[in-house]
Amino acid sequence: MAFAAERQVVRRTERMTGPRRFPEIPLVPTPASREARAVVGFKWAGEKVGRRHKLVGVPDWVQPPEVPECPLCKQTMTFYGQLDSVGDEMKIADVGMVYVFLCFDCYETKSVLQSG
């Protein structure tokens, strides 16, 4: 196989111990079409619901924290981002959120869903 030599996997010799910390990067939903604008927003949810999307920082848990560990190295995973419910038609488990975690050593990911 000619490609085998080119597809070598790069391995790190040093490992992180525990999660990394990064400053928060808020994400602002900007619907790109009339149809998308029609599904954004809530009739009965609180004012912040639908605006809690972000990358890194600290999770805004809606229930008690559930930080996963990497299934390979067993270290606590790094919080990478959270996705909020979008609108009445696209709410996640009663205006809940999805939290995404990453192991920077093993490149494993896990997500956690919590109900609001």
N, C-alpha and C. Protein backbone atom coordinates (compact mmCIF):
# COMPACT_ATOMS: atom_id res chain seq x y z
N MET A 1 0.83 -1.19 0.00
CA MET A 1 0.00 0.00 0.00
C MET A 1 0.88 1.25 0.00
N ALA A 2 0.80 2.04 -1.03
CA ALA A 2 1.61 3.24 -1.15
C ALA A 2 1.20 4.31 -0.13
N PHE A 3 -0.06 4.33 0.25
CA PHE A 3 -0.55 5.36 1.16
C PHE A 3 -0.18 5.10 2.62
N ALA A 4 0.16 3.88 2.96
CA ALA A 4 0.38 3.51 4.36
C ALA A 4 1.42 4.40 5.04
N ALA A 5 2.52 4.70 4.39
CA ALA A 5 3.56 5.53 5.00
C ALA A 5 3.09 6.96 5.21
N GLU A 6 2.24 7.46 4.34
CA GLU A 6 1.76 8.84 4.46
C GLU A 6 0.71 9.01 5.54
N ARG A 7 0.05 7.94 5.94
CA ARG A 7 -1.05 8.03 6.89
C ARG A 7 -0.63 7.68 8.31
N GLN A 8 0.63 7.93 8.65
CA GLN A 8 1.08 7.63 10.00
C GLN A 8 0.35 8.52 11.00
N VAL A 9 0.00 7.94 12.13
CA VAL A 9 -0.68 8.68 13.19
C VAL A 9 0.35 9.35 14.08
N VAL A 10 0.17 10.64 14.32
CA VAL A 10 1.08 11.37 15.19
C VAL A 10 0.67 11.11 16.63
N ARG A 11 1.58 10.67 17.45
CA ARG A 11 1.31 10.40 18.86
C ARG A 11 2.07 11.41 19.72
N ARG A 12 1.42 11.87 20.76
CA ARG A 12 2.07 12.77 21.71
C ARG A 12 2.89 11.98 22.70
N THR A 13 4.01 12.53 23.10
CA THR A 13 4.81 11.86 24.12
C THR A 13 4.45 12.37 25.51
N GLU A 14 3.93 13.58 25.62
CA GLU A 14 3.50 14.09 26.92
C GLU A 14 1.99 14.13 26.95
N ARG A 15 1.44 13.90 28.13
CA ARG A 15 -0.01 13.87 28.27
C ARG A 15 -0.45 14.95 29.24
N MET A 16 -1.64 15.46 29.00
CA MET A 16 -2.27 16.40 29.93
C MET A 16 -2.81 15.58 31.09
N THR A 17 -2.87 16.20 32.24
CA THR A 17 -3.56 15.54 33.35
C THR A 17 -4.73 16.41 33.72
N GLY A 18 -5.91 15.93 33.40
CA GLY A 18 -7.12 16.68 33.70
C GLY A 18 -7.53 17.60 32.57
N PRO A 19 -8.64 18.29 32.78
CA PRO A 19 -9.19 19.13 31.72
C PRO A 19 -8.41 20.43 31.52
N ARG A 20 -8.44 20.94 30.31
CA ARG A 20 -7.85 22.25 29.99
C ARG A 20 -8.88 23.33 30.26
N ARG A 21 -8.44 24.54 30.51
CA ARG A 21 -9.34 25.68 30.75
C ARG A 21 -9.09 26.73 29.67
N PHE A 22 -10.18 27.23 29.09
CA PHE A 22 -10.11 28.25 28.06
C PHE A 22 -11.11 29.35 28.39
N PRO A 23 -10.89 30.57 27.93
CA PRO A 23 -11.88 31.64 28.16
C PRO A 23 -13.14 31.39 27.32
N GLU A 24 -14.26 31.81 27.84
CA GLU A 24 -15.55 31.60 27.19
C GLU A 24 -15.68 32.36 25.88
N ILE A 25 -16.28 31.71 24.88
CA ILE A 25 -16.56 32.31 23.59
C ILE A 25 -18.07 32.16 23.33
N PRO A 26 -18.86 33.21 23.60
CA PRO A 26 -20.31 33.12 23.36
C PRO A 26 -20.60 32.96 21.86
N LEU A 27 -21.64 32.20 21.56
CA LEU A 27 -22.10 32.03 20.18
C LEU A 27 -23.48 32.66 20.06
N VAL A 28 -23.64 33.50 19.07
CA VAL A 28 -24.92 34.20 18.87
C VAL A 28 -25.60 33.61 17.64
N PRO A 29 -26.78 33.00 17.82
CA PRO A 29 -27.48 32.45 16.66
C PRO A 29 -27.88 33.56 15.68
N THR A 30 -27.57 33.36 14.42
CA THR A 30 -27.96 34.31 13.38
C THR A 30 -28.63 33.52 12.25
N PRO A 31 -29.94 33.35 12.35
CA PRO A 31 -30.65 32.58 11.32
C PRO A 31 -30.39 33.16 9.92
N ALA A 32 -30.12 32.28 8.98
CA ALA A 32 -29.74 32.71 7.64
C ALA A 32 -30.90 32.78 6.65
N SER A 33 -32.09 32.43 7.10
CA SER A 33 -33.23 32.47 6.17
C SER A 33 -34.51 32.81 6.94
N ARG A 34 -35.54 33.11 6.20
CA ARG A 34 -36.85 33.39 6.80
C ARG A 34 -37.36 32.16 7.55
N GLU A 35 -37.16 30.98 6.96
CA GLU A 35 -37.60 29.74 7.61
C GLU A 35 -36.85 29.52 8.92
N ALA A 36 -35.57 29.81 8.94
CA ALA A 36 -34.78 29.64 10.17
C ALA A 36 -35.22 30.64 11.24
N ARG A 37 -35.48 31.87 10.85
CA ARG A 37 -35.94 32.89 11.81
C ARG A 37 -37.27 32.49 12.43
N ALA A 38 -38.10 31.79 11.68
CA ALA A 38 -39.43 31.39 12.16
C ALA A 38 -39.36 30.35 13.28
N VAL A 39 -38.29 29.57 13.37
CA VAL A 39 -38.21 28.54 14.41
C VAL A 39 -37.41 28.98 15.64
N VAL A 40 -36.83 30.17 15.60
CA VAL A 40 -36.05 30.68 16.74
C VAL A 40 -36.97 31.44 17.69
N GLY A 41 -36.85 31.12 18.99
CA GLY A 41 -37.61 31.85 19.99
C GLY A 41 -38.65 31.00 20.70
N PHE A 42 -39.05 31.49 21.87
CA PHE A 42 -39.98 30.75 22.73
C PHE A 42 -41.13 31.65 23.16
N LYS A 43 -42.28 31.04 23.37
CA LYS A 43 -43.44 31.78 23.89
C LYS A 43 -43.41 31.83 25.41
N TRP A 44 -42.97 30.74 26.07
CA TRP A 44 -43.10 30.65 27.51
C TRP A 44 -41.78 30.50 28.26
N ALA A 45 -40.69 30.28 27.61
CA ALA A 45 -39.40 30.06 28.31
C ALA A 45 -38.81 31.37 28.79
N GLY A 46 -37.88 31.28 29.72
CA GLY A 46 -37.20 32.46 30.25
C GLY A 46 -36.41 33.20 29.19
N GLU A 47 -36.04 34.43 29.48
CA GLU A 47 -35.37 35.30 28.51
C GLU A 47 -34.02 34.77 28.04
N LYS A 48 -33.27 34.09 28.91
CA LYS A 48 -31.94 33.59 28.54
C LYS A 48 -32.00 32.30 27.71
N VAL A 49 -33.11 31.58 27.79
CA VAL A 49 -33.22 30.31 27.06
C VAL A 49 -33.15 30.57 25.57
N GLY A 50 -32.31 29.80 24.90
CA GLY A 50 -32.09 29.99 23.47
C GLY A 50 -30.89 30.86 23.17
N ARG A 51 -30.28 31.44 24.22
CA ARG A 51 -29.12 32.33 24.04
C ARG A 51 -27.92 31.85 24.85
N ARG A 52 -27.94 30.61 25.28
CA ARG A 52 -26.87 30.10 26.14
C ARG A 52 -25.82 29.29 25.38
N HIS A 53 -25.80 29.39 24.05
CA HIS A 53 -24.80 28.67 23.24
C HIS A 53 -23.42 29.27 23.51
N LYS A 54 -22.40 28.41 23.59
CA LYS A 54 -21.03 28.93 23.73
C LYS A 54 -20.01 27.84 23.49
N LEU A 55 -18.78 28.29 23.23
CA LEU A 55 -17.63 27.41 23.17
C LEU A 55 -16.79 27.65 24.41
N VAL A 56 -16.23 26.61 24.92
CA VAL A 56 -15.34 26.59 26.09
C VAL A 56 -15.82 27.46 27.25
N GLY A 57 -14.95 27.80 28.17
CA GLY A 57 -15.37 28.48 29.39
C GLY A 57 -15.81 27.45 30.41
N VAL A 58 -16.90 27.74 31.10
CA VAL A 58 -17.45 26.86 32.14
C VAL A 58 -18.89 26.52 31.75
N PRO A 59 -19.30 25.26 31.85
CA PRO A 59 -20.67 24.90 31.48
C PRO A 59 -21.70 25.62 32.35
N ASP A 60 -22.80 26.02 31.73
CA ASP A 60 -23.95 26.58 32.44
C ASP A 60 -24.94 25.44 32.67
N TRP A 61 -24.66 24.63 33.66
CA TRP A 61 -25.47 23.44 33.91
C TRP A 61 -26.90 23.81 34.25
N VAL A 62 -27.86 23.07 33.70
CA VAL A 62 -29.26 23.26 34.07
C VAL A 62 -29.68 22.24 35.12
N GLN A 63 -28.83 21.25 35.36
CA GLN A 63 -29.00 20.25 36.41
C GLN A 63 -27.63 20.07 37.06
N PRO A 64 -27.49 19.21 38.06
CA PRO A 64 -26.16 19.01 38.66
C PRO A 64 -25.12 18.62 37.61
N PRO A 65 -23.86 19.05 37.79
CA PRO A 65 -22.81 18.77 36.82
C PRO A 65 -22.62 17.28 36.54
N GLU A 66 -22.33 16.98 35.27
CA GLU A 66 -22.07 15.61 34.82
C GLU A 66 -20.85 15.62 33.90
N VAL A 67 -19.68 15.90 34.44
CA VAL A 67 -18.46 15.97 33.63
C VAL A 67 -17.95 14.56 33.39
N PRO A 68 -17.89 14.13 32.12
CA PRO A 68 -17.46 12.76 31.84
C PRO A 68 -15.95 12.59 31.91
N GLU A 69 -15.54 11.34 32.00
CA GLU A 69 -14.11 11.02 31.90
C GLU A 69 -13.88 10.32 30.56
N CYS A 70 -12.67 10.45 30.06
CA CYS A 70 -12.31 9.83 28.79
C CYS A 70 -12.37 8.31 28.95
N PRO A 71 -13.03 7.61 28.02
CA PRO A 71 -13.10 6.15 28.13
C PRO A 71 -11.75 5.46 27.92
N LEU A 72 -10.79 6.16 27.30
CA LEU A 72 -9.49 5.54 27.04
C LEU A 72 -8.47 5.79 28.16
N CYS A 73 -8.27 7.07 28.52
CA CYS A 73 -7.23 7.40 29.51
C CYS A 73 -7.78 7.65 30.91
N LYS A 74 -9.11 7.70 31.03
CA LYS A 74 -9.81 7.87 32.32
C LYS A 74 -9.61 9.25 32.95
N GLN A 75 -9.08 10.22 32.21
CA GLN A 75 -8.93 11.59 32.72
C GLN A 75 -10.25 12.34 32.54
N THR A 76 -10.47 13.34 33.38
CA THR A 76 -11.64 14.21 33.23
C THR A 76 -11.53 14.93 31.90
N MET A 77 -12.62 14.96 31.14
CA MET A 77 -12.60 15.57 29.81
C MET A 77 -12.75 17.09 29.90
N THR A 78 -12.30 17.79 28.86
CA THR A 78 -12.38 19.24 28.76
C THR A 78 -13.72 19.66 28.20
N PHE A 79 -14.36 20.64 28.84
CA PHE A 79 -15.60 21.21 28.31
C PHE A 79 -15.28 21.97 27.03
N TYR A 80 -15.96 21.62 25.95
CA TYR A 80 -15.69 22.25 24.66
C TYR A 80 -16.80 23.19 24.21
N GLY A 81 -18.04 22.94 24.63
CA GLY A 81 -19.11 23.83 24.24
C GLY A 81 -20.47 23.33 24.67
N GLN A 82 -21.45 24.22 24.53
CA GLN A 82 -22.83 23.85 24.85
C GLN A 82 -23.76 24.41 23.80
N LEU A 83 -24.80 23.63 23.50
CA LEU A 83 -25.82 24.03 22.54
C LEU A 83 -27.15 24.10 23.27
N ASP A 84 -27.79 25.23 23.17
CA ASP A 84 -29.05 25.49 23.85
C ASP A 84 -30.21 25.06 22.96
N SER A 85 -31.38 24.94 23.55
CA SER A 85 -32.60 24.79 22.76
C SER A 85 -32.72 26.01 21.87
N VAL A 86 -33.39 25.86 20.73
CA VAL A 86 -33.47 26.95 19.75
C VAL A 86 -34.80 27.68 19.79
N GLY A 87 -35.88 26.95 19.90
CA GLY A 87 -37.21 27.55 19.90
C GLY A 87 -38.25 26.52 20.29
N ASP A 88 -39.50 26.95 20.34
CA ASP A 88 -40.58 26.06 20.75
C ASP A 88 -40.62 24.77 19.93
N GLU A 89 -40.32 24.87 18.65
CA GLU A 89 -40.37 23.69 17.78
C GLU A 89 -39.08 22.88 17.82
N MET A 90 -38.01 23.45 18.35
CA MET A 90 -36.71 22.77 18.39
C MET A 90 -36.12 22.75 19.79
N LYS A 91 -36.97 22.57 20.79
CA LYS A 91 -36.44 22.56 22.15
C LYS A 91 -35.88 21.17 22.48
N ILE A 92 -34.86 21.18 23.31
CA ILE A 92 -34.18 19.95 23.72
C ILE A 92 -34.69 19.58 25.11
N ALA A 93 -35.42 18.50 25.22
CA ALA A 93 -35.82 17.96 26.53
C ALA A 93 -36.31 19.06 27.47
N ASP A 94 -37.38 19.75 27.12
CA ASP A 94 -37.96 20.79 27.96
C ASP A 94 -36.97 21.94 28.19
N VAL A 95 -36.58 22.60 27.15
CA VAL A 95 -35.61 23.71 27.09
C VAL A 95 -34.29 23.38 27.79
N GLY A 96 -33.78 22.21 27.49
CA GLY A 96 -32.49 21.79 28.05
C GLY A 96 -31.33 22.15 27.13
N MET A 97 -30.18 21.54 27.42
CA MET A 97 -28.98 21.82 26.63
C MET A 97 -28.17 20.55 26.40
N VAL A 98 -27.33 20.60 25.38
CA VAL A 98 -26.36 19.55 25.08
C VAL A 98 -24.98 20.13 25.38
N TYR A 99 -24.20 19.40 26.16
CA TYR A 99 -22.84 19.81 26.53
C TYR A 99 -21.86 18.87 25.83
N VAL A 100 -20.81 19.41 25.24
CA VAL A 100 -19.83 18.63 24.50
C VAL A 100 -18.49 18.67 25.23
N PHE A 101 -17.87 17.50 25.39
CA PHE A 101 -16.58 17.37 26.07
C PHE A 101 -15.59 16.67 25.17
N LEU A 102 -14.30 16.99 25.35
CA LEU A 102 -13.24 16.47 24.49
C LEU A 102 -12.03 16.09 25.34
N CYS A 103 -11.40 14.98 25.00
CA CYS A 103 -10.10 14.64 25.58
C CYS A 103 -9.05 15.05 24.56
N PHE A 104 -8.23 16.03 24.90
CA PHE A 104 -7.21 16.53 23.97
C PHE A 104 -6.06 15.55 23.79
N ASP A 105 -5.94 14.55 24.66
CA ASP A 105 -4.88 13.55 24.50
C ASP A 105 -5.31 12.41 23.59
N CYS A 106 -6.54 11.94 23.76
CA CYS A 106 -7.02 10.77 23.02
C CYS A 106 -7.95 11.14 21.86
N TYR A 107 -8.37 12.39 21.79
CA TYR A 107 -9.31 12.87 20.77
C TYR A 107 -10.63 12.11 20.80
N GLU A 108 -11.06 11.79 22.00
CA GLU A 108 -12.37 11.19 22.23
C GLU A 108 -13.33 12.30 22.59
N THR A 109 -14.59 12.16 22.21
CA THR A 109 -15.61 13.14 22.58
C THR A 109 -16.77 12.45 23.27
N LYS A 110 -17.46 13.22 24.10
CA LYS A 110 -18.70 12.76 24.74
C LYS A 110 -19.63 13.94 24.83
N SER A 111 -20.93 13.66 24.80
CA SER A 111 -21.90 14.72 25.01
C SER A 111 -22.82 14.32 26.15
N VAL A 112 -23.35 15.35 26.80
CA VAL A 112 -24.28 15.17 27.92
C VAL A 112 -25.50 15.99 27.60
N LEU A 113 -26.69 15.40 27.73
CA LEU A 113 -27.94 16.12 27.53
C LEU A 113 -28.61 16.32 28.89
N GLN A 114 -28.99 17.55 29.18
CA GLN A 114 -29.72 17.83 30.41
C GLN A 114 -31.02 18.55 30.09
N SER A 115 -32.05 18.19 30.82
CA SER A 115 -33.36 18.79 30.65
C SER A 115 -33.51 20.01 31.53
N GLY A 116 -34.12 21.06 30.99
CA GLY A 116 -34.32 22.28 31.75
C GLY A 116 -35.49 22.14 32.66
